[in-house]
Amino acid sequence: MIYSYNGTNEECPIPLVQTRLLLKKMCPNDSCIIMVKDQGSIQDITKLLSKNNYKFSQQFNDNGNLEITIQSKS
């Protein structure tokens, strides 16, 4: 399953909390796409993912939003 969350209109800590909830729902072979704009959320979410050994990629789009694609843990 592919989960998605658009937190571009929200500020920290809401996107971080929503990301944690999505991570708990994910099963093996699931992925999640998160969009954030708030600098605090960007830092906190990437730190959370790195700390918990999630595989993820990130890229900024033309609007200045960061798109983070997360792979579930095996």
C-alpha atoms as a PDB file:
ATOM      1  CA  MET A   1       0.000   0.000   0.000  1.00  0.00           C
ATOM      2  CA  ILE A   2       1.160   3.528  -0.668  1.00  0.00           C
ATOM      3  CA  TYR A   3       0.318   6.045   2.018  1.00  0.00           C
ATOM      4  CA  SER A   4       0.492   9.781   1.459  1.00  0.00           C
ATOM      5  CA  TYR A   5       0.306  12.886   3.592  1.00  0.00           C
ATOM      6  CA  ASN A   6       0.345  16.520   2.510  1.00  0.00           C
ATOM      7  CA  GLY A   7       1.558  18.669   5.382  1.00  0.00           C
ATOM      8  CA  THR A   8       2.525  21.701   3.301  1.00  0.00           C
ATOM      9  CA  ASN A   9      -0.110  23.879   4.981  1.00  0.00           C
ATOM     10  CA  GLU A  10       0.788  22.790   8.511  1.00  0.00           C
ATOM     11  CA  GLU A  11       3.623  23.671  10.857  1.00  0.00           C
ATOM     12  CA  CYS A  12       5.650  21.592  13.255  1.00  0.00           C
ATOM     13  CA  PRO A  13       4.796  19.478  15.213  1.00  0.00           C
ATOM     14  CA  ILE A  14       1.670  18.427  13.259  1.00  0.00           C
ATOM     15  CA  PRO A  15       3.529  16.913  10.238  1.00  0.00           C
ATOM     16  CA  LEU A  16       5.880  15.035  12.577  1.00  0.00           C
ATOM     17  CA  VAL A  17       2.962  13.569  14.539  1.00  0.00           C
ATOM     18  CA  GLN A  18       1.154  12.580  11.331  1.00  0.00           C
ATOM     19  CA  THR A  19       4.334  10.961   9.994  1.00  0.00           C
ATOM     20  CA  ARG A  20       4.723   8.893  13.159  1.00  0.00           C
ATOM     21  CA  LEU A  21       1.121   7.698  12.855  1.00  0.00           C
ATOM     22  CA  LEU A  22       1.664   6.672   9.228  1.00  0.00           C
ATOM     23  CA  LEU A  23       4.875   4.826  10.079  1.00  0.00           C
ATOM     24  CA  LYS A  24       2.980   2.760  12.651  1.00  0.00           C
ATOM     25  CA  LYS A  25       0.393   1.756  10.016  1.00  0.00           C
ATOM     26  CA  MET A  26       2.955   0.656   7.447  1.00  0.00           C
ATOM     27  CA  CYS A  27       3.457  -3.050   6.764  1.00  0.00           C
ATOM     28  CA  PRO A  28       6.359  -4.683   4.901  1.00  0.00           C
ATOM     29  CA  ASN A  29       6.498  -3.584   1.255  1.00  0.00           C
ATOM     30  CA  ASP A  30       4.441  -0.438   1.949  1.00  0.00           C
ATOM     31  CA  SER A  31       5.690   3.027   1.147  1.00  0.00           C
ATOM     32  CA  CYS A  32       4.717   6.529   2.143  1.00  0.00           C
ATOM     33  CA  ILE A  33       5.022   9.884   0.406  1.00  0.00           C
ATOM     34  CA  ILE A  34       5.076  12.953   2.624  1.00  0.00           C
ATOM     35  CA  MET A  35       5.027  16.569   1.470  1.00  0.00           C
ATOM     36  CA  VAL A  36       6.203  19.265   3.901  1.00  0.00           C
ATOM     37  CA  LYS A  37       7.270  22.868   3.657  1.00  0.00           C
ATOM     38  CA  ASP A  38       7.916  23.973   7.248  1.00  0.00           C
ATOM     39  CA  GLN A  39      11.655  23.974   7.987  1.00  0.00           C
ATOM     40  CA  GLY A  40      11.169  22.550  11.490  1.00  0.00           C
ATOM     41  CA  SER A  41       9.120  19.673  10.094  1.00  0.00           C
ATOM     42  CA  ILE A  42      11.721  18.969   7.428  1.00  0.00           C
ATOM     43  CA  GLN A  43      14.470  18.702  10.017  1.00  0.00           C
ATOM     44  CA  ASP A  44      12.442  16.715  12.538  1.00  0.00           C
ATOM     45  CA  ILE A  45      11.011  14.189  10.065  1.00  0.00           C
ATOM     46  CA  THR A  46      14.335  13.434   8.368  1.00  0.00           C
ATOM     47  CA  LYS A  47      15.990  13.108  11.788  1.00  0.00           C
ATOM     48  CA  LEU A  48      13.256  10.677  12.916  1.00  0.00           C
ATOM     49  CA  LEU A  49      13.638   8.569   9.787  1.00  0.00           C
ATOM     50  CA  SER A  50      17.423   8.428  10.034  1.00  0.00           C
ATOM     51  CA  LYS A  51      17.366   7.624  13.744  1.00  0.00           C
ATOM     52  CA  ASN A  52      14.959   4.725  13.155  1.00  0.00           C
ATOM     53  CA  ASN A  53      16.834   3.368  10.122  1.00  0.00           C
ATOM     54  CA  TYR A  54      14.117   3.955   7.525  1.00  0.00           C
ATOM     55  CA  LYS A  55      15.167   4.021   3.899  1.00  0.00           C
ATOM     56  CA  PHE A  56      13.973   7.258   2.362  1.00  0.00           C
ATOM     57  CA  SER A  57      14.660   9.683  -0.439  1.00  0.00           C
ATOM     58  CA  GLN A  58      13.898  13.370  -0.566  1.00  0.00           C
ATOM     59  CA  GLN A  59      13.664  16.056  -3.193  1.00  0.00           C
ATOM     60  CA  PHE A  60      12.404  19.616  -3.375  1.00  0.00           C
ATOM     61  CA  ASN A  61       9.806  20.428  -6.010  1.00  0.00           C
ATOM     62  CA  ASP A  62       9.306  23.717  -7.863  1.00  0.00           C
ATOM     63  CA  ASN A  63       7.070  25.095  -5.095  1.00  0.00           C
ATOM     64  CA  GLY A  64       9.772  24.708  -2.450  1.00  0.00           C
ATOM     65  CA  ASN A  65       7.996  21.745  -0.857  1.00  0.00           C
ATOM     66  CA  LEU A  66      10.007  18.737   0.199  1.00  0.00           C
ATOM     67  CA  GLU A  67       8.734  15.361  -0.952  1.00  0.00           C
ATOM     68  CA  ILE A  68       9.951  12.481   1.206  1.00  0.00           C
ATOM     69  CA  THR A  69       9.418   8.917  -0.012  1.00  0.00           C
ATOM     70  CA  ILE A  70       9.732   6.332   2.762  1.00  0.00           C
ATOM     71  CA  GLN A  71      10.110   2.567   2.364  1.00  0.00           C
ATOM     72  CA  SER A  72       8.749   0.345   5.144  1.00  0.00           C
ATOM     73  CA  LYS A  73      11.081  -1.694   7.247  1.00  0.00           C
ATOM     74  CA  SER A  74      11.327  -5.346   6.251  1.00  0.00           C
END
